[in-house]
Amino acid sequence: MGSSKVYATVLLIRLIYAGMHILTKASFNEGTSTTVFVFYRHAVAAIFLLPFASLEIRCQFDGPSLLQSCMRVCLLQVTSLP
């Protein structure tokens, strides 16, 4: 039972990698800039991971609000751009 979950997880990860590879190849064949593609990839990943991260932060401590934390991260990210 436990090993089937491991195999299913590995299969899911490989399918995600294969889909990402196909999408990358298709977008580069259409002429998408690599910089634009990386930006979109990171934006989609951030949008996908934000609910999980906010739940994790909310459950761990009573620190600053989620909005303050997001604003700090955004400010640090903008100031680190060349």
N, C-alpha and C. Protein backbone atom coordinates (compact mmCIF):
# COMPACT_ATOMS: atom_id res chain seq x y z
N MET A 1 0.82 -1.19 0.00
CA MET A 1 0.00 0.00 0.00
C MET A 1 0.86 1.25 0.00
N GLY A 2 1.87 1.31 0.86
CA GLY A 2 2.74 2.47 0.95
C GLY A 2 3.59 2.66 -0.29
N SER A 3 4.07 1.55 -0.86
CA SER A 3 4.94 1.68 -2.03
C SER A 3 4.15 2.10 -3.27
N SER A 4 2.86 1.80 -3.32
CA SER A 4 2.07 2.23 -4.47
C SER A 4 1.89 3.75 -4.47
N LYS A 5 1.82 4.37 -3.28
CA LYS A 5 1.74 5.82 -3.20
C LYS A 5 3.03 6.46 -3.71
N VAL A 6 4.15 5.83 -3.40
CA VAL A 6 5.43 6.35 -3.86
C VAL A 6 5.50 6.29 -5.38
N TYR A 7 5.11 5.16 -5.95
CA TYR A 7 5.13 5.03 -7.41
C TYR A 7 4.16 6.00 -8.07
N ALA A 8 3.00 6.20 -7.46
CA ALA A 8 2.02 7.14 -8.02
C ALA A 8 2.56 8.57 -7.96
N THR A 9 3.25 8.91 -6.88
CA THR A 9 3.83 10.24 -6.76
C THR A 9 4.93 10.45 -7.79
N VAL A 10 5.79 9.47 -7.96
CA VAL A 10 6.86 9.57 -8.96
C VAL A 10 6.27 9.69 -10.36
N LEU A 11 5.24 8.92 -10.64
CA LEU A 11 4.58 9.00 -11.94
C LEU A 11 3.96 10.38 -12.17
N LEU A 12 3.31 10.92 -11.15
CA LEU A 12 2.72 12.25 -11.27
C LEU A 12 3.79 13.31 -11.53
N ILE A 13 4.89 13.24 -10.81
CA ILE A 13 5.98 14.20 -11.01
C ILE A 13 6.55 14.08 -12.42
N ARG A 14 6.72 12.88 -12.90
CA ARG A 14 7.25 12.70 -14.27
C ARG A 14 6.27 13.22 -15.31
N LEU A 15 4.97 13.04 -15.08
CA LEU A 15 3.97 13.57 -16.01
C LEU A 15 3.99 15.10 -16.02
N ILE A 16 4.16 15.70 -14.85
CA ILE A 16 4.25 17.16 -14.79
C ILE A 16 5.50 17.64 -15.53
N TYR A 17 6.63 16.97 -15.33
CA TYR A 17 7.85 17.35 -16.04
C TYR A 17 7.68 17.20 -17.55
N ALA A 18 7.03 16.13 -17.98
CA ALA A 18 6.82 15.92 -19.41
C ALA A 18 5.91 17.00 -19.99
N GLY A 19 4.85 17.34 -19.27
CA GLY A 19 3.96 18.40 -19.73
C GLY A 19 4.67 19.74 -19.79
N MET A 20 5.50 20.02 -18.80
CA MET A 20 6.26 21.27 -18.81
C MET A 20 7.24 21.31 -19.98
N HIS A 21 7.86 20.19 -20.26
CA HIS A 21 8.79 20.12 -21.38
C HIS A 21 8.07 20.36 -22.71
N ILE A 22 6.91 19.77 -22.87
CA ILE A 22 6.13 19.94 -24.10
C ILE A 22 5.68 21.40 -24.25
N LEU A 23 5.18 21.99 -23.15
CA LEU A 23 4.78 23.39 -23.21
C LEU A 23 5.95 24.32 -23.50
N THR A 24 7.10 24.02 -22.91
CA THR A 24 8.29 24.83 -23.16
C THR A 24 8.70 24.75 -24.61
N LYS A 25 8.74 23.56 -25.15
CA LYS A 25 9.13 23.38 -26.54
C LYS A 25 8.15 24.08 -27.48
N ALA A 26 6.86 23.95 -27.22
CA ALA A 26 5.85 24.58 -28.07
C ALA A 26 5.95 26.10 -28.01
N SER A 27 6.15 26.66 -26.81
CA SER A 27 6.22 28.11 -26.71
C SER A 27 7.50 28.66 -27.34
N PHE A 28 8.60 27.95 -27.22
CA PHE A 28 9.83 28.41 -27.86
C PHE A 28 9.74 28.29 -29.38
N ASN A 29 9.04 27.28 -29.87
CA ASN A 29 8.85 27.16 -31.32
C ASN A 29 7.98 28.29 -31.87
N GLU A 30 7.09 28.82 -31.03
CA GLU A 30 6.24 29.94 -31.45
C GLU A 30 6.98 31.27 -31.37
N GLY A 31 8.15 31.28 -30.78
CA GLY A 31 8.95 32.50 -30.73
C GLY A 31 8.91 33.25 -29.41
N THR A 32 8.45 32.62 -28.36
CA THR A 32 8.40 33.27 -27.06
C THR A 32 9.82 33.51 -26.55
N SER A 33 10.05 34.68 -26.01
CA SER A 33 11.35 35.00 -25.42
C SER A 33 11.57 34.16 -24.17
N THR A 34 12.80 33.78 -23.93
CA THR A 34 13.09 32.98 -22.74
C THR A 34 12.83 33.77 -21.46
N THR A 35 13.09 35.06 -21.49
CA THR A 35 12.84 35.89 -20.31
C THR A 35 11.36 35.95 -19.99
N VAL A 36 10.54 36.13 -21.01
CA VAL A 36 9.09 36.18 -20.81
C VAL A 36 8.59 34.84 -20.32
N PHE A 37 9.10 33.76 -20.87
CA PHE A 37 8.67 32.43 -20.47
C PHE A 37 9.00 32.17 -19.00
N VAL A 38 10.20 32.54 -18.59
CA VAL A 38 10.60 32.34 -17.19
C VAL A 38 9.72 33.18 -16.26
N PHE A 39 9.40 34.40 -16.67
CA PHE A 39 8.51 35.24 -15.86
C PHE A 39 7.15 34.59 -15.69
N TYR A 40 6.56 34.14 -16.79
CA TYR A 40 5.25 33.50 -16.71
C TYR A 40 5.30 32.22 -15.88
N ARG A 41 6.36 31.46 -16.02
CA ARG A 41 6.48 30.21 -15.26
C ARG A 41 6.53 30.50 -13.76
N HIS A 42 7.30 31.51 -13.37
CA HIS A 42 7.40 31.86 -11.96
C HIS A 42 6.10 32.46 -11.44
N ALA A 43 5.42 33.24 -12.27
CA ALA A 43 4.15 33.84 -11.85
C ALA A 43 3.10 32.75 -11.61
N VAL A 44 3.02 31.78 -12.50
CA VAL A 44 2.06 30.69 -12.33
C VAL A 44 2.41 29.86 -11.09
N ALA A 45 3.70 29.61 -10.88
CA ALA A 45 4.11 28.84 -9.70
C ALA A 45 3.77 29.59 -8.41
N ALA A 46 3.98 30.91 -8.41
CA ALA A 46 3.66 31.69 -7.22
C ALA A 46 2.16 31.68 -6.94
N ILE A 47 1.36 31.83 -7.98
CA ILE A 47 -0.09 31.81 -7.79
C ILE A 47 -0.56 30.45 -7.31
N PHE A 48 0.06 29.40 -7.82
CA PHE A 48 -0.31 28.05 -7.40
C PHE A 48 0.09 27.77 -5.96
N LEU A 49 1.26 28.24 -5.54
CA LEU A 49 1.78 27.92 -4.21
C LEU A 49 1.31 28.88 -3.12
N LEU A 50 0.78 30.04 -3.49
CA LEU A 50 0.39 31.03 -2.49
C LEU A 50 -0.65 30.51 -1.49
N PRO A 51 -1.71 29.80 -1.91
CA PRO A 51 -2.67 29.30 -0.90
C PRO A 51 -2.04 28.32 0.09
N PHE A 52 -1.17 27.46 -0.41
CA PHE A 52 -0.52 26.49 0.48
C PHE A 52 0.42 27.19 1.46
N ALA A 53 1.15 28.16 0.97
CA ALA A 53 2.08 28.90 1.83
C ALA A 53 1.33 29.72 2.87
N SER A 54 0.22 30.34 2.47
CA SER A 54 -0.53 31.15 3.43
C SER A 54 -1.14 30.28 4.52
N LEU A 55 -1.63 29.11 4.16
CA LEU A 55 -2.16 28.20 5.18
C LEU A 55 -1.06 27.73 6.12
N GLU A 56 0.10 27.46 5.57
CA GLU A 56 1.23 27.01 6.40
C GLU A 56 1.67 28.11 7.36
N ILE A 57 1.73 29.33 6.88
CA ILE A 57 2.14 30.45 7.73
C ILE A 57 1.09 30.71 8.80
N ARG A 58 -0.16 30.66 8.42
CA ARG A 58 -1.24 30.95 9.35
C ARG A 58 -1.29 29.93 10.48
N CYS A 59 -0.94 28.69 10.19
CA CYS A 59 -1.00 27.64 11.20
C CYS A 59 0.23 27.63 12.11
N GLN A 60 1.33 28.26 11.70
CA GLN A 60 2.55 28.13 12.46
C GLN A 60 2.71 29.17 13.56
N PHE A 61 2.45 30.44 13.29
CA PHE A 61 2.75 31.45 14.29
C PHE A 61 1.78 32.63 14.17
N ASP A 62 1.79 33.45 15.21
CA ASP A 62 0.99 34.67 15.21
C ASP A 62 1.91 35.86 14.98
N GLY A 63 2.56 35.87 13.87
CA GLY A 63 3.45 36.96 13.51
C GLY A 63 2.71 38.04 12.76
N PRO A 64 3.41 38.75 11.91
CA PRO A 64 2.76 39.79 11.13
C PRO A 64 1.71 39.20 10.19
N SER A 65 0.82 40.04 9.74
CA SER A 65 -0.26 39.57 8.88
C SER A 65 0.28 39.06 7.55
N LEU A 66 -0.55 38.31 6.87
CA LEU A 66 -0.17 37.76 5.57
C LEU A 66 0.11 38.87 4.57
N LEU A 67 -0.67 39.93 4.61
CA LEU A 67 -0.47 41.05 3.69
C LEU A 67 0.87 41.71 3.93
N GLN A 68 1.24 41.90 5.19
CA GLN A 68 2.54 42.49 5.49
C GLN A 68 3.67 41.59 5.02
N SER A 69 3.54 40.29 5.21
CA SER A 69 4.57 39.36 4.77
C SER A 69 4.71 39.38 3.25
N CYS A 70 3.58 39.39 2.55
CA CYS A 70 3.62 39.43 1.08
C CYS A 70 4.24 40.73 0.59
N MET A 71 3.89 41.83 1.25
CA MET A 71 4.45 43.13 0.84
C MET A 71 5.96 43.17 1.06
N ARG A 72 6.43 42.57 2.14
CA ARG A 72 7.88 42.52 2.38
C ARG A 72 8.59 41.71 1.31
N VAL A 73 8.02 40.56 0.97
CA VAL A 73 8.61 39.72 -0.06
C VAL A 73 8.63 40.45 -1.40
N CYS A 74 7.53 41.11 -1.75
CA CYS A 74 7.47 41.85 -3.00
C CYS A 74 8.47 42.99 -3.01
N LEU A 75 8.60 43.71 -1.90
CA LEU A 75 9.56 44.80 -1.82
C LEU A 75 10.99 44.30 -1.96
N LEU A 76 11.30 43.21 -1.31
CA LEU A 76 12.64 42.63 -1.43
C LEU A 76 12.91 42.16 -2.87
N GLN A 77 11.89 41.61 -3.50
CA GLN A 77 12.06 41.12 -4.86
C GLN A 77 12.26 42.28 -5.83
N VAL A 78 11.50 43.35 -5.66
CA VAL A 78 11.63 44.50 -6.57
C VAL A 78 12.97 45.20 -6.36
N THR A 79 13.41 45.32 -5.13
CA THR A 79 14.69 46.01 -4.88
C THR A 79 15.88 45.18 -5.33
N SER A 80 15.71 43.90 -5.51
CA SER A 80 16.84 43.07 -5.93
C SER A 80 16.98 42.97 -7.44
N LEU A 81 16.05 43.58 -8.19
CA LEU A 81 16.14 43.55 -9.65
C LEU A 81 17.30 44.43 -10.11
N PRO A 82 17.95 44.02 -11.21
CA PRO A 82 19.08 44.84 -11.71
C PRO A 82 18.62 46.14 -12.33
